[in-house]
Amino acid sequence: MGDVVIVGYRPKPGKESELLGLLREHVPYLRNLGLATDRPPIALKSRDGIVVEIFEWCDGAIERAHSDPAVHKLWDEYAKVCDYVPLKGLSEFNDMFAQFAPIN
């Protein structure tokens, strides 16, 4: 078993389509590096446009990712198109049942 993570990305102005492109490649890329499990990722969008991703790291992969140059390159690409945001700021989490729009 690995660790399931939930992360929020705020697209930079005019960069949402690039972010969504990275999102589609993200978990398959991590899988090729042996860092993500086969659990299907989930991508969602909040009412205010935050993109939320849920995926599972392989056991111990989070630590390995921090020393992997290929992962750092991927993170640099994310930094060009979005900012990471804490999930507690999303208005959906004030509701008993947080609802998001699915991203295909």
PDB file of N, CA and C in Angstrom:
ATOM      1  N   MET A   1       0.839  -1.183   0.000  1.00  0.00           N
ATOM      2  CA  MET A   1       0.000   0.000   0.000  1.00  0.00           C
ATOM      3  C   MET A   1       0.882   1.245   0.000  1.00  0.00           C
ATOM      4  N   GLY A   2       0.377   2.248  -0.660  1.00  0.00           N
ATOM      5  CA  GLY A   2       1.093   3.510  -0.705  1.00  0.00           C
ATOM      6  C   GLY A   2       0.364   4.571   0.089  1.00  0.00           C
ATOM      7  N   ASP A   3       0.589   5.798  -0.295  1.00  0.00           N
ATOM      8  CA  ASP A   3      -0.053   6.943   0.340  1.00  0.00           C
ATOM      9  C   ASP A   3      -0.914   7.653  -0.689  1.00  0.00           C
ATOM     10  N   VAL A   4      -2.204   7.785  -0.400  1.00  0.00           N
ATOM     11  CA  VAL A   4      -3.098   8.549  -1.263  1.00  0.00           C
ATOM     12  C   VAL A   4      -2.953  10.011  -0.889  1.00  0.00           C
ATOM     13  N   VAL A   5      -2.744  10.844  -1.908  1.00  0.00           N
ATOM     14  CA  VAL A   5      -2.601  12.277  -1.674  1.00  0.00           C
ATOM     15  C   VAL A   5      -3.659  13.033  -2.463  1.00  0.00           C
ATOM     16  N   ILE A   6      -4.018  14.175  -1.921  1.00  0.00           N
ATOM     17  CA  ILE A   6      -4.953  15.086  -2.577  1.00  0.00           C
ATOM     18  C   ILE A   6      -4.232  16.422  -2.658  1.00  0.00           C
ATOM     19  N   VAL A   7      -4.133  16.963  -3.861  1.00  0.00           N
ATOM     20  CA  VAL A   7      -3.394  18.211  -4.055  1.00  0.00           C
ATOM     21  C   VAL A   7      -4.244  19.189  -4.855  1.00  0.00           C
ATOM     22  N   GLY A   8      -4.098  20.476  -4.523  1.00  0.00           N
ATOM     23  CA  GLY A   8      -4.818  21.524  -5.240  1.00  0.00           C
ATOM     24  C   GLY A   8      -3.866  22.390  -6.037  1.00  0.00           C
ATOM     25  N   TYR A   9      -4.248  22.691  -7.274  1.00  0.00           N
ATOM     26  CA  TYR A   9      -3.449  23.526  -8.171  1.00  0.00           C
ATOM     27  C   TYR A   9      -4.298  24.715  -8.628  1.00  0.00           C
ATOM     28  N   ARG A  10      -3.788  25.919  -8.456  1.00  0.00           N
ATOM     29  CA  ARG A  10      -4.450  27.107  -9.002  1.00  0.00           C
ATOM     30  C   ARG A  10      -3.748  27.448 -10.317  1.00  0.00           C
ATOM     31  N   PRO A  11      -4.451  27.303 -11.442  1.00  0.00           N
ATOM     32  CA  PRO A  11      -3.801  27.619 -12.722  1.00  0.00           C
ATOM     33  C   PRO A  11      -3.386  29.084 -12.769  1.00  0.00           C
ATOM     34  N   LYS A  12      -2.212  29.336 -13.295  1.00  0.00           N
ATOM     35  CA  LYS A  12      -1.787  30.722 -13.530  1.00  0.00           C
ATOM     36  C   LYS A  12      -2.615  31.267 -14.695  1.00  0.00           C
ATOM     37  N   PRO A  13      -2.778  32.583 -14.770  1.00  0.00           N
ATOM     38  CA  PRO A  13      -3.608  33.167 -15.834  1.00  0.00           C
ATOM     39  C   PRO A  13      -3.202  32.654 -17.219  1.00  0.00           C
ATOM     40  N   GLY A  14      -4.203  32.155 -17.940  1.00  0.00           N
ATOM     41  CA  GLY A  14      -3.974  31.660 -19.294  1.00  0.00           C
ATOM     42  C   GLY A  14      -3.279  30.317 -19.388  1.00  0.00           C
ATOM     43  N   LYS A  15      -3.073  29.631 -18.262  1.00  0.00           N
ATOM     44  CA  LYS A  15      -2.303  28.379 -18.260  1.00  0.00           C
ATOM     45  C   LYS A  15      -3.124  27.137 -17.911  1.00  0.00           C
ATOM     46  N   GLU A  16      -4.457  27.274 -17.823  1.00  0.00           N
ATOM     47  CA  GLU A  16      -5.265  26.124 -17.418  1.00  0.00           C
ATOM     48  C   GLU A  16      -5.123  24.950 -18.371  1.00  0.00           C
ATOM     49  N   SER A  17      -5.131  25.187 -19.662  1.00  0.00           N
ATOM     50  CA  SER A  17      -5.036  24.058 -20.606  1.00  0.00           C
ATOM     51  C   SER A  17      -3.678  23.366 -20.486  1.00  0.00           C
ATOM     52  N   GLU A  18      -2.620  24.131 -20.250  1.00  0.00           N
ATOM     53  CA  GLU A  18      -1.307  23.516 -20.052  1.00  0.00           C
ATOM     54  C   GLU A  18      -1.277  22.689 -18.773  1.00  0.00           C
ATOM     55  N   LEU A  19      -1.913  23.211 -17.713  1.00  0.00           N
ATOM     56  CA  LEU A  19      -1.990  22.458 -16.465  1.00  0.00           C
ATOM     57  C   LEU A  19      -2.735  21.146 -16.674  1.00  0.00           C
ATOM     58  N   LEU A  20      -3.857  21.198 -17.375  1.00  0.00           N
ATOM     59  CA  LEU A  20      -4.627  19.981 -17.621  1.00  0.00           C
ATOM     60  C   LEU A  20      -3.836  18.977 -18.455  1.00  0.00           C
ATOM     61  N   GLY A  21      -3.020  19.465 -19.384  1.00  0.00           N
ATOM     62  CA  GLY A  21      -2.144  18.579 -20.148  1.00  0.00           C
ATOM     63  C   GLY A  21      -1.134  17.876 -19.249  1.00  0.00           C
ATOM     64  N   LEU A  22      -0.527  18.628 -18.340  1.00  0.00           N
ATOM     65  CA  LEU A  22       0.412  18.026 -17.386  1.00  0.00           C
ATOM     66  C   LEU A  22      -0.303  17.015 -16.496  1.00  0.00           C
ATOM     67  N   LEU A  23      -1.499  17.366 -16.098  1.00  0.00           N
ATOM     68  CA  LEU A  23      -2.273  16.499 -15.212  1.00  0.00           C
ATOM     69  C   LEU A  23      -2.526  15.142 -15.861  1.00  0.00           C
ATOM     70  N   ARG A  24      -2.827  15.139 -17.150  1.00  0.00           N
ATOM     71  CA  ARG A  24      -3.086  13.878 -17.860  1.00  0.00           C
ATOM     72  C   ARG A  24      -1.829  12.993 -17.908  1.00  0.00           C
ATOM     73  N   GLU A  25      -0.672  13.612 -17.944  1.00  0.00           N
ATOM     74  CA  GLU A  25       0.587  12.867 -18.057  1.00  0.00           C
ATOM     75  C   GLU A  25       1.216  12.536 -16.702  1.00  0.00           C
ATOM     76  N   HIS A  26       0.786  13.240 -15.659  1.00  0.00           N
ATOM     77  CA  HIS A  26       1.431  13.192 -14.357  1.00  0.00           C
ATOM     78  C   HIS A  26       1.558  11.778 -13.783  1.00  0.00           C
ATOM     79  N   VAL A  27       0.436  11.129 -13.532  1.00  0.00           N
ATOM     80  CA  VAL A  27       0.477   9.820 -12.882  1.00  0.00           C
ATOM     81  C   VAL A  27       1.100   8.762 -13.786  1.00  0.00           C
ATOM     82  N   PRO A  28       0.792   8.715 -15.091  1.00  0.00           N
ATOM     83  CA  PRO A  28       1.504   7.744 -15.937  1.00  0.00           C
ATOM     84  C   PRO A  28       3.032   7.939 -15.903  1.00  0.00           C
ATOM     85  N   TYR A  29       3.459   9.185 -15.857  1.00  0.00           N
ATOM     86  CA  TYR A  29       4.892   9.492 -15.766  1.00  0.00           C
ATOM     87  C   TYR A  29       5.467   8.934 -14.465  1.00  0.00           C
ATOM     88  N   LEU A  30       4.769   9.187 -13.356  1.00  0.00           N
ATOM     89  CA  LEU A  30       5.230   8.672 -12.067  1.00  0.00           C
ATOM     90  C   LEU A  30       5.223   7.146 -12.053  1.00  0.00           C
ATOM     91  N   ARG A  31       4.231   6.540 -12.685  1.00  0.00           N
ATOM     92  CA  ARG A  31       4.188   5.073 -12.761  1.00  0.00           C
ATOM     93  C   ARG A  31       5.401   4.529 -13.510  1.00  0.00           C
ATOM     94  N   ASN A  32       5.756   5.178 -14.616  1.00  0.00           N
ATOM     95  CA  ASN A  32       6.928   4.733 -15.384  1.00  0.00           C
ATOM     96  C   ASN A  32       8.204   4.797 -14.559  1.00  0.00           C
ATOM     97  N   LEU A  33       8.229   5.690 -13.593  1.00  0.00           N
ATOM     98  CA  LEU A  33       9.387   5.808 -12.703  1.00  0.00           C
ATOM     99  C   LEU A  33       9.274   4.881 -11.491  1.00  0.00           C
ATOM    100  N   GLY A  34       8.166   4.129 -11.410  1.00  0.00           N
ATOM    101  CA  GLY A  34       7.955   3.230 -10.283  1.00  0.00           C
ATOM    102  C   GLY A  34       7.527   3.943  -9.012  1.00  0.00           C
ATOM    103  N   LEU A  35       6.922   5.125  -9.162  1.00  0.00           N
ATOM    104  CA  LEU A  35       6.587   5.939  -7.995  1.00  0.00           C
ATOM    105  C   LEU A  35       5.099   6.006  -7.675  1.00  0.00           C
ATOM    106  N   ALA A  36       4.230   5.709  -8.639  1.00  0.00           N
ATOM    107  CA  ALA A  36       2.784   5.764  -8.416  1.00  0.00           C
ATOM    108  C   ALA A  36       2.179   4.386  -8.656  1.00  0.00           C
ATOM    109  N   THR A  37       1.118   4.094  -7.909  1.00  0.00           N
ATOM    110  CA  THR A  37       0.447   2.800  -8.034  1.00  0.00           C
ATOM    111  C   THR A  37      -0.475   2.791  -9.252  1.00  0.00           C
ATOM    112  N   ASP A  38      -1.098   1.666  -9.472  1.00  0.00           N
ATOM    113  CA  ASP A  38      -2.055   1.522 -10.572  1.00  0.00           C
ATOM    114  C   ASP A  38      -3.435   2.059 -10.229  1.00  0.00           C
ATOM    115  N   ARG A  39      -3.627   2.540  -9.012  1.00  0.00           N
ATOM    116  CA  ARG A  39      -4.927   3.103  -8.644  1.00  0.00           C
ATOM    117  C   ARG A  39      -5.235   4.269  -9.588  1.00  0.00           C
ATOM    118  N   PRO A  40      -6.414   4.269 -10.205  1.00  0.00           N
ATOM    119  CA  PRO A  40      -6.740   5.355 -11.138  1.00  0.00           C
ATOM    120  C   PRO A  40      -6.776   6.715 -10.423  1.00  0.00           C
ATOM    121  N   PRO A  41      -6.133   7.719 -10.994  1.00  0.00           N
ATOM    122  CA  PRO A  41      -6.190   9.050 -10.392  1.00  0.00           C
ATOM    123  C   PRO A  41      -7.564   9.685 -10.647  1.00  0.00           C
ATOM    124  N   ILE A  42      -7.890  10.664  -9.839  1.00  0.00           N
ATOM    125  CA  ILE A  42      -9.132  11.418 -10.006  1.00  0.00           C
ATOM    126  C   ILE A  42      -8.746  12.885 -10.142  1.00  0.00           C
ATOM    127  N   ALA A  43      -9.326  13.557 -11.137  1.00  0.00           N
ATOM    128  CA  ALA A  43      -9.089  14.989 -11.337  1.00  0.00           C
ATOM    129  C   ALA A  43     -10.433  15.705 -11.265  1.00  0.00           C
ATOM    130  N   LEU A  44     -10.454  16.800 -10.529  1.00  0.00           N
ATOM    131  CA  LEU A  44     -11.682  17.547 -10.259  1.00  0.00           C
ATOM    132  C   LEU A  44     -11.413  19.032 -10.383  1.00  0.00           C
ATOM    133  N   LYS A  45     -12.492  19.817 -10.473  1.00  0.00           N
ATOM    134  CA  LYS A  45     -12.355  21.268 -10.492  1.00  0.00           C
ATOM    135  C   LYS A  45     -13.316  21.858  -9.469  1.00  0.00           C
ATOM    136  N   SER A  46     -12.816  22.808  -8.681  1.00  0.00           N
ATOM    137  CA  SER A  46     -13.646  23.486  -7.689  1.00  0.00           C
ATOM    138  C   SER A  46     -14.451  24.597  -8.353  1.00  0.00           C
ATOM    139  N   ARG A  47     -15.387  25.152  -7.598  1.00  0.00           N
ATOM    140  CA  ARG A  47     -16.219  26.244  -8.124  1.00  0.00           C
ATOM    141  C   ARG A  47     -15.382  27.449  -8.535  1.00  0.00           C
ATOM    142  N   ASP A  48     -14.273  27.668  -7.835  1.00  0.00           N
ATOM    143  CA  ASP A  48     -13.448  28.830  -8.174  1.00  0.00           C
ATOM    144  C   ASP A  48     -12.253  28.486  -9.060  1.00  0.00           C
ATOM    145  N   GLY A  49     -12.300  27.314  -9.713  1.00  0.00           N
ATOM    146  CA  GLY A  49     -11.305  26.981 -10.723  1.00  0.00           C
ATOM    147  C   GLY A  49     -10.057  26.272 -10.241  1.00  0.00           C
ATOM    148  N   ILE A  50     -10.014  25.881  -8.968  1.00  0.00           N
ATOM    149  CA  ILE A  50      -8.869  25.120  -8.484  1.00  0.00           C
ATOM    150  C   ILE A  50      -8.991  23.696  -9.009  1.00  0.00           C
ATOM    151  N   VAL A  51      -7.904  23.175  -9.547  1.00  0.00           N
ATOM    152  CA  VAL A  51      -7.855  21.797 -10.021  1.00  0.00           C
ATOM    153  C   VAL A  51      -7.374  20.927  -8.859  1.00  0.00           C
ATOM    154  N   VAL A  52      -8.115  19.877  -8.574  1.00  0.00           N
ATOM    155  CA  VAL A  52      -7.790  18.967  -7.476  1.00  0.00           C
ATOM    156  C   VAL A  52      -7.447  17.607  -8.075  1.00  0.00           C
ATOM    157  N   GLU A  53      -6.341  17.051  -7.624  1.00  0.00           N
ATOM    158  CA  GLU A  53      -5.917  15.737  -8.099  1.00  0.00           C
ATOM    159  C   GLU A  53      -5.776  14.795  -6.907  1.00  0.00           C
ATOM    160  N   ILE A  54      -6.254  13.572  -7.087  1.00  0.00           N
ATOM    161  CA  ILE A  54      -6.121  12.524  -6.077  1.00  0.00           C
ATOM    162  C   ILE A  54      -5.414  11.352  -6.738  1.00  0.00           C
ATOM    163  N   PHE A  55      -4.311  10.927  -6.136  1.00  0.00           N
ATOM    164  CA  PHE A  55      -3.590   9.771  -6.683  1.00  0.00           C
ATOM    165  C   PHE A  55      -2.831   9.085  -5.556  1.00  0.00           C
ATOM    166  N   GLU A  56      -2.258   7.914  -5.872  1.00  0.00           N
ATOM    167  CA  GLU A  56      -1.560   7.141  -4.852  1.00  0.00           C
ATOM    168  C   GLU A  56      -0.088   6.940  -5.214  1.00  0.00           C
ATOM    169  N   TRP A  57       0.763   7.367  -4.292  1.00  0.00           N
ATOM    170  CA  TRP A  57       2.198   7.090  -4.395  1.00  0.00           C
ATOM    171  C   TRP A  57       2.443   5.642  -3.973  1.00  0.00           C
ATOM    172  N   CYS A  58       3.438   5.004  -4.545  1.00  0.00           N
ATOM    173  CA  CYS A  58       3.886   3.701  -4.055  1.00  0.00           C
ATOM    174  C   CYS A  58       4.497   3.886  -2.671  1.00  0.00           C
ATOM    175  N   ASP A  59       4.565   2.814  -1.928  1.00  0.00           N
ATOM    176  CA  ASP A  59       5.150   2.863  -0.590  1.00  0.00           C
ATOM    177  C   ASP A  59       6.584   3.394  -0.663  1.00  0.00           C
ATOM    178  N   GLY A  60       6.870   4.443   0.064  1.00  0.00           N
ATOM    179  CA  GLY A  60       8.212   5.033   0.104  1.00  0.00           C
ATOM    180  C   GLY A  60       8.537   5.945  -1.059  1.00  0.00           C
ATOM    181  N   ALA A  61       7.626   6.100  -2.009  1.00  0.00           N
ATOM    182  CA  ALA A  61       7.920   6.860  -3.228  1.00  0.00           C
ATOM    183  C   ALA A  61       8.008   8.363  -2.996  1.00  0.00           C
ATOM    184  N   ILE A  62       7.279   8.874  -2.031  1.00  0.00           N
ATOM    185  CA  ILE A  62       7.337  10.327  -1.789  1.00  0.00           C
ATOM    186  C   ILE A  62       8.766  10.732  -1.456  1.00  0.00           C
ATOM    187  N   GLU A  63       9.408   9.982  -0.602  1.00  0.00           N
ATOM    188  CA  GLU A  63      10.795  10.292  -0.231  1.00  0.00           C
ATOM    189  C   GLU A  63      11.728  10.145  -1.434  1.00  0.00           C
ATOM    190  N   ARG A  64      11.525   9.071  -2.224  1.00  0.00           N
ATOM    191  CA  ARG A  64      12.372   8.860  -3.404  1.00  0.00           C
ATOM    192  C   ARG A  64      12.181   9.977  -4.423  1.00  0.00           C
ATOM    193  N   ALA A  65      10.956  10.467  -4.559  1.00  0.00           N
ATOM    194  CA  ALA A  65      10.672  11.521  -5.537  1.00  0.00           C
ATOM    195  C   ALA A  65      11.472  12.782  -5.259  1.00  0.00           C
ATOM    196  N   HIS A  66      11.702  13.075  -4.004  1.00  0.00           N
ATOM    197  CA  HIS A  66      12.409  14.304  -3.650  1.00  0.00           C
ATOM    198  C   HIS A  66      13.875  14.288  -4.067  1.00  0.00           C
ATOM    199  N   SER A  67      14.408  13.123  -4.384  1.00  0.00           N
ATOM    200  CA  SER A  67      15.799  13.061  -4.849  1.00  0.00           C
ATOM    201  C   SER A  67      15.911  12.624  -6.305  1.00  0.00           C
ATOM    202  N   ASP A  68      14.787  12.569  -7.014  1.00  0.00           N
ATOM    203  CA  ASP A  68      14.782  12.120  -8.403  1.00  0.00           C
ATOM    204  C   ASP A  68      14.771  13.323  -9.349  1.00  0.00           C
ATOM    205  N   PRO A  69      15.831  13.505 -10.160  1.00  0.00           N
ATOM    206  CA  PRO A  69      15.887  14.649 -11.073  1.00  0.00           C
ATOM    207  C   PRO A  69      14.728  14.692 -12.067  1.00  0.00           C
ATOM    208  N   ALA A  70      14.236  13.533 -12.489  1.00  0.00           N
ATOM    209  CA  ALA A  70      13.115  13.499 -13.438  1.00  0.00           C
ATOM    210  C   ALA A  70      11.853  14.068 -12.795  1.00  0.00           C
ATOM    211  N   VAL A  71      11.649  13.783 -11.522  1.00  0.00           N
ATOM    212  CA  VAL A  71      10.486  14.319 -10.808  1.00  0.00           C
ATOM    213  C   VAL A  71      10.651  15.824 -10.598  1.00  0.00           C
ATOM    214  N   HIS A  72      11.847  16.252 -10.281  1.00  0.00           N
ATOM    215  CA  HIS A  72      12.099  17.696 -10.120  1.00  0.00           C
ATOM    216  C   HIS A  72      11.814  18.452 -11.417  1.00  0.00           C
ATOM    217  N   LYS A  73      12.156  17.847 -12.538  1.00  0.00           N
ATOM    218  CA  LYS A  73      11.861  18.469 -13.833  1.00  0.00           C
ATOM    219  C   LYS A  73      10.347  18.607 -14.017  1.00  0.00           C
ATOM    220  N   LEU A  74       9.603  17.560 -13.665  1.00  0.00           N
ATOM    221  CA  LEU A  74       8.147  17.604 -13.747  1.00  0.00           C
ATOM    222  C   LEU A  74       7.591  18.690 -12.829  1.00  0.00           C
ATOM    223  N   TRP A  75       8.094  18.776 -11.620  1.00  0.00           N
ATOM    224  CA  TRP A  75       7.631  19.797 -10.679  1.00  0.00           C
ATOM    225  C   TRP A  75       7.947  21.198 -11.196  1.00  0.00           C
ATOM    226  N   ASP A  76       9.064  21.357 -11.880  1.00  0.00           N
ATOM    227  CA  ASP A  76       9.391  22.656 -12.492  1.00  0.00           C
ATOM    228  C   ASP A  76       8.361  23.026 -13.556  1.00  0.00           C
ATOM    229  N   GLU A  77       7.903  22.041 -14.325  1.00  0.00           N
ATOM    230  CA  GLU A  77       6.871  22.294 -15.335  1.00  0.00           C
ATOM    231  C   GLU A  77       5.564  22.720 -14.672  1.00  0.00           C
ATOM    232  N   TYR A  78       5.207  22.078 -13.582  1.00  0.00           N
ATOM    233  CA  TYR A  78       4.010  22.484 -12.830  1.00  0.00           C
ATOM    234  C   TYR A  78       4.149  23.921 -12.330  1.00  0.00           C
ATOM    235  N   ALA A  79       5.316  24.281 -11.839  1.00  0.00           N
ATOM    236  CA  ALA A  79       5.525  25.630 -11.290  1.00  0.00           C
ATOM    237  C   ALA A  79       5.327  26.715 -12.345  1.00  0.00           C
ATOM    238  N   LYS A  80       5.520  26.379 -13.613  1.00  0.00           N
ATOM    239  CA  LYS A  80       5.325  27.354 -14.688  1.00  0.00           C
ATOM    240  C   LYS A  80       3.850  27.636 -14.953  1.00  0.00           C
ATOM    241  N   VAL A  81       2.971  26.679 -14.622  1.00  0.00           N
ATOM    242  CA  VAL A  81       1.562  26.808 -15.013  1.00  0.00           C
ATOM    243  C   VAL A  81       0.583  26.910 -13.846  1.00  0.00           C
ATOM    244  N   CYS A  82       1.062  26.689 -12.611  1.00  0.00           N
ATOM    245  CA  CYS A  82       0.134  26.736 -11.477  1.00  0.00           C
ATOM    246  C   CYS A  82       0.862  27.023 -10.177  1.00  0.00           C
ATOM    247  N   ASP A  83       0.048  27.321  -9.173  1.00  0.00           N
ATOM    248  CA  ASP A  83       0.522  27.429  -7.792  1.00  0.00           C
ATOM    249  C   ASP A  83      -0.196  26.359  -6.988  1.00  0.00           C
ATOM    250  N   TYR A  84       0.501  25.768  -6.041  1.00  0.00           N
ATOM    251  CA  TYR A  84      -0.133  24.794  -5.159  1.00  0.00           C
ATOM    252  C   TYR A  84      -0.941  25.562  -4.116  1.00  0.00           C
ATOM    253  N   VAL A  85      -2.116  25.056  -3.790  1.00  0.00           N
ATOM    254  CA  VAL A  85      -2.970  25.726  -2.815  1.00  0.00           C
ATOM    255  C   VAL A  85      -3.401  24.743  -1.732  1.00  0.00           C
ATOM    256  N   PRO A  86      -3.501  25.227  -0.488  1.00  0.00           N
ATOM    257  CA  PRO A  86      -4.005  24.351   0.571  1.00  0.00           C
ATOM    258  C   PRO A  86      -5.491  24.066   0.357  1.00  0.00           C
ATOM    259  N   LEU A  87      -5.869  22.847   0.519  1.00  0.00           N
ATOM    260  CA  LEU A  87      -7.253  22.447   0.281  1.00  0.00           C
ATOM    261  C   LEU A  87      -8.225  23.070   1.270  1.00  0.00           C
ATOM    262  N   LYS A  88      -7.756  23.403   2.451  1.00  0.00           N
ATOM    263  CA  LYS A  88      -8.656  23.968   3.465  1.00  0.00           C
ATOM    264  C   LYS A  88      -9.269  25.291   3.013  1.00  0.00           C
ATOM    265  N   GLY A  89      -8.683  25.943   2.023  1.00  0.00           N
ATOM    266  CA  GLY A  89      -9.218  27.192   1.515  1.00  0.00           C
ATOM    267  C   GLY A  89     -10.338  27.026   0.495  1.00  0.00           C
ATOM    268  N   LEU A  90     -10.611  25.806   0.062  1.00  0.00           N
ATOM    269  CA  LEU A  90     -11.655  25.584  -0.930  1.00  0.00           C
ATOM    270  C   LEU A  90     -13.028  25.639  -0.260  1.00  0.00           C
ATOM    271  N   SER A  91     -13.920  26.430  -0.822  1.00  0.00           N
ATOM    272  CA  SER A  91     -15.250  26.599  -0.229  1.00  0.00           C
ATOM    273  C   SER A  91     -16.026  25.291  -0.167  1.00  0.00           C
ATOM    274  N   GLU A  92     -15.731  24.355  -1.062  1.00  0.00           N
ATOM    275  CA  GLU A  92     -16.435  23.063  -1.066  1.00  0.00           C
ATOM    276  C   GLU A  92     -16.282  22.328   0.267  1.00  0.00           C
ATOM    277  N   PHE A  93     -15.179  22.544   0.941  1.00  0.00           N
ATOM    278  CA  PHE A  93     -14.941  21.830   2.195  1.00  0.00           C
ATOM    279  C   PHE A  93     -15.708  22.420   3.366  1.00  0.00           C
ATOM    280  N   ASN A  94     -16.470  23.475   3.135  1.00  0.00           N
ATOM    281  CA  ASN A  94     -17.377  23.994   4.146  1.00  0.00           C
ATOM    282  C   ASN A  94     -18.715  23.271   4.106  1.00  0.00           C
ATOM    283  N   ASP A  95     -18.962  22.501   3.050  1.00  0.00           N
ATOM    284  CA  ASP A  95     -20.206  21.757   2.882  1.00  0.00           C
ATOM    285  C   ASP A  95     -20.056  20.355   3.472  1.00  0.00           C
ATOM    286  N   MET A  96     -21.172  19.795   3.923  1.00  0.00           N
ATOM    287  CA  MET A  96     -21.142  18.432   4.467  1.00  0.00           C
ATOM    288  C   MET A  96     -20.648  17.437   3.409  1.00  0.00           C
ATOM    289  N   PHE A  97     -21.077  17.637   2.162  1.00  0.00           N
ATOM    290  CA  PHE A  97     -20.656  16.789   1.056  1.00  0.00           C
ATOM    291  C   PHE A  97     -19.994  17.695   0.025  1.00  0.00           C
ATOM    292  N   ALA A  98     -18.678  17.682  -0.006  1.00  0.00           N
ATOM    293  CA  ALA A  98     -17.941  18.546  -0.947  1.00  0.00           C
ATOM    294  C   ALA A  98     -18.150  18.036  -2.363  1.00  0.00           C
ATOM    295  N   GLN A  99     -18.649  18.905  -3.225  1.00  0.00           N
ATOM    296  CA  GLN A  99     -18.925  18.518  -4.617  1.00  0.00           C
ATOM    297  C   GLN A  99     -18.004  19.286  -5.558  1.00  0.00           C
ATOM    298  N   PHE A 100     -17.473  18.552  -6.525  1.00  0.00           N
ATOM    299  CA  PHE A 100     -16.563  19.103  -7.513  1.00  0.00           C
ATOM    300  C   PHE A 100     -17.006  18.651  -8.898  1.00  0.00           C
ATOM    301  N   ALA A 101     -16.615  19.412  -9.910  1.00  0.00           N
ATOM    302  CA  ALA A 101     -16.862  19.001 -11.294  1.00  0.00           C
ATOM    303  C   ALA A 101     -15.746  18.048 -11.725  1.00  0.00           C
ATOM    304  N   PRO A 102     -16.099  16.902 -12.323  1.00  0.00           N
ATOM    305  CA  PRO A 102     -15.058  15.979 -12.786  1.00  0.00           C
ATOM    306  C   PRO A 102     -14.318  16.546 -13.992  1.00  0.00           C
ATOM    307  N   ILE A 103     -13.039  16.213 -14.081  1.00  0.00           N
ATOM    308  CA  ILE A 103     -12.220  16.553 -15.248  1.00  0.00           C
ATOM    309  C   ILE A 103     -11.909  15.228 -15.933  1.00  0.00           C
ATOM    310  N   ASN A 104     -12.231  15.146 -17.203  1.00  0.00           N
ATOM    311  CA  ASN A 104     -11.970  13.910 -17.956  1.00  0.00           C
ATOM    312  C   ASN A 104     -10.572  13.893 -18.514  1.00  0.00           C
TER     313      ASN A 104
END
